[in-house]
């Protein structure tokens, strides 16, 4: 069975698939996207799932689920006010939480995704060095 580590993360999974361990594909990782006071359309959700799959797919065996929260901090006043928070629940390790705040929604998402990949890589590296 070929592995697709760069596939977009899943929006919904059936309950038995959620409980399965040792996932091999990025498409088997559930990604929950929640927006508070910001309009996030389907294109933005697909963009998030695609980018998360590309960045976190290589860690698919250790990732249980990903939660993304997007907020408009200042409301209609403007300014640097879009916040993207990503939480990655890892198997056997503490969860990784990253927040990024930027003026545009895409910049906040891209910054948070990049920082999330580095944080998950660091956490996975710690696990391998501790076990040795």
Protein backbone atom coordinates (compact mmCIF):
# COMPACT_ATOMS: atom_id res chain seq x y z
CA UNK A 1 0.00 0.00 0.00
CA UNK A 2 1.64 3.28 -1.07
CA UNK A 3 1.90 5.95 1.58
CA UNK A 4 0.75 9.45 0.79
CA UNK A 5 2.52 11.65 3.28
CA UNK A 6 1.67 14.89 1.52
CA UNK A 7 -2.09 14.41 1.28
CA UNK A 8 -4.43 16.99 2.83
CA UNK A 9 -5.58 16.22 6.36
CA UNK A 10 -9.07 14.79 6.75
CA UNK A 11 -11.98 16.97 7.74
CA UNK A 12 -14.07 14.17 9.18
CA UNK A 13 -13.31 10.57 9.98
CA UNK A 14 -15.59 7.75 11.11
CA UNK A 15 -15.31 6.89 14.80
CA UNK A 16 -13.36 3.60 14.34
CA UNK A 17 -10.78 5.41 12.19
CA UNK A 18 -10.35 8.11 14.86
CA UNK A 19 -9.36 5.51 17.43
CA UNK A 20 -6.90 3.74 15.13
CA UNK A 21 -3.25 4.05 16.04
CA UNK A 22 -0.20 3.94 13.77
CA UNK A 23 -1.60 5.95 10.91
CA UNK A 24 0.49 5.85 7.78
CA UNK A 25 -1.08 8.59 5.65
CA UNK A 26 -1.66 12.26 6.27
CA UNK A 27 -5.22 11.73 4.99
CA UNK A 28 -5.93 9.61 8.09
CA UNK A 29 -5.20 12.49 10.51
CA UNK A 30 -8.31 14.44 11.51
CA UNK A 31 -7.99 18.24 11.38
CA UNK A 32 -10.59 20.30 13.21
CA UNK A 33 -10.82 23.93 12.09
CA UNK A 34 -12.75 26.41 14.20
CA UNK A 35 -13.20 30.11 13.41
CA UNK A 36 -14.30 32.68 15.98
CA UNK A 37 -15.42 36.08 14.66
CA UNK A 38 -13.65 35.49 11.33
CA UNK A 39 -15.21 34.30 8.12
CA UNK A 40 -13.25 31.28 6.87
CA UNK A 41 -14.51 29.96 3.57
CA UNK A 42 -14.04 26.49 2.10
CA UNK A 43 -11.00 27.58 0.07
CA UNK A 44 -9.20 28.65 3.25
CA UNK A 45 -10.11 25.39 4.99
CA UNK A 46 -8.83 23.36 2.02
CA UNK A 47 -5.65 25.47 1.97
CA UNK A 48 -5.09 24.79 5.68
CA UNK A 49 -5.65 21.04 5.33
CA UNK A 50 -3.39 20.85 2.29
CA UNK A 51 -0.54 22.80 3.93
CA UNK A 52 -0.85 20.87 7.20
CA UNK A 53 -0.76 17.60 5.29
CA UNK A 54 2.38 18.67 3.46
CA UNK A 55 4.15 19.82 6.63
CA UNK A 56 2.93 17.22 9.16
CA UNK A 57 2.45 14.19 6.88
CA UNK A 58 5.95 12.93 7.60
CA UNK A 59 4.98 12.63 11.27
CA UNK A 60 1.67 10.86 10.53
CA UNK A 61 2.46 7.84 12.73
CA UNK A 62 2.85 10.05 15.81
CA UNK A 63 0.06 12.62 15.21
CA UNK A 64 -3.33 11.75 16.66
CA UNK A 65 -5.21 14.91 15.66
CA UNK A 66 -4.76 18.56 14.78
CA UNK A 67 -6.94 21.43 15.98
CA UNK A 68 -6.82 24.89 14.40
CA UNK A 69 -8.47 27.98 15.90
CA UNK A 70 -8.69 31.23 13.99
CA UNK A 71 -9.71 34.47 15.71
CA UNK A 72 -10.05 38.13 14.88
CA UNK A 73 -8.51 39.69 17.99
CA UNK A 74 -9.40 43.36 17.48
CA UNK A 75 -12.70 42.89 15.72
CA UNK A 76 -13.63 45.58 13.19
CA UNK A 77 -10.95 48.04 14.43
CA UNK A 78 -8.24 46.65 12.14
CA UNK A 79 -4.53 46.25 12.77
CA UNK A 80 -2.48 43.13 13.39
CA UNK A 81 -5.43 41.14 14.52
CA UNK A 82 -5.71 37.71 12.88
CA UNK A 83 -4.56 34.94 15.20
CA UNK A 84 -4.08 31.32 14.19
CA UNK A 85 -3.49 28.77 16.96
CA UNK A 86 -2.60 25.17 16.06
CA UNK A 87 -2.60 22.29 18.55
CA UNK A 88 -1.09 18.96 17.55
CA UNK A 89 -1.81 15.98 19.82
CA UNK A 90 1.06 13.52 19.65
CA UNK A 91 1.05 9.87 20.73
CA UNK A 92 3.03 9.41 23.93
CA UNK A 93 4.28 13.02 24.00
CA UNK A 94 2.93 16.33 25.25
CA UNK A 95 0.79 18.28 22.80
CA UNK A 96 2.40 21.00 20.69
CA UNK A 97 0.63 24.38 20.70
CA UNK A 98 1.68 27.23 18.41
CA UNK A 99 0.12 30.67 17.95
CA UNK A 100 0.80 33.25 15.26
CA UNK A 101 -0.70 36.72 14.93
CA UNK A 102 -0.52 38.71 11.68
CA UNK A 103 -2.44 41.37 9.75
CA UNK A 104 -3.76 38.92 7.12
CA UNK A 105 -5.34 35.54 7.62
CA UNK A 106 -3.07 33.70 5.14
CA UNK A 107 0.08 35.15 6.73
CA UNK A 108 -1.08 34.03 10.18
CA UNK A 109 -1.88 30.53 8.88
CA UNK A 110 1.44 30.19 7.03
CA UNK A 111 3.46 31.39 10.01
CA UNK A 112 1.68 29.05 12.41
CA UNK A 113 2.04 26.06 10.08
CA UNK A 114 5.77 26.62 9.67
CA UNK A 115 6.34 27.00 13.39
CA UNK A 116 4.19 23.93 14.08
CA UNK A 117 6.31 21.76 11.80
CA UNK A 118 9.51 22.87 13.56
CA UNK A 119 7.98 22.32 17.02
CA UNK A 120 6.73 18.81 16.15
CA UNK A 121 10.12 17.93 14.64
CA UNK A 122 11.85 19.14 17.83
CA UNK A 123 9.47 17.14 20.01
CA UNK A 124 9.98 13.98 17.94
CA UNK A 125 13.75 14.43 18.06
CA UNK A 126 13.62 14.67 21.86
CA UNK A 127 11.73 11.38 22.02
CA UNK A 128 14.32 9.57 19.91
CA UNK A 129 17.27 10.97 21.88
CA UNK A 130 15.67 10.11 25.25
CA UNK A 131 14.98 6.51 24.25
CA UNK A 132 18.61 5.93 23.31
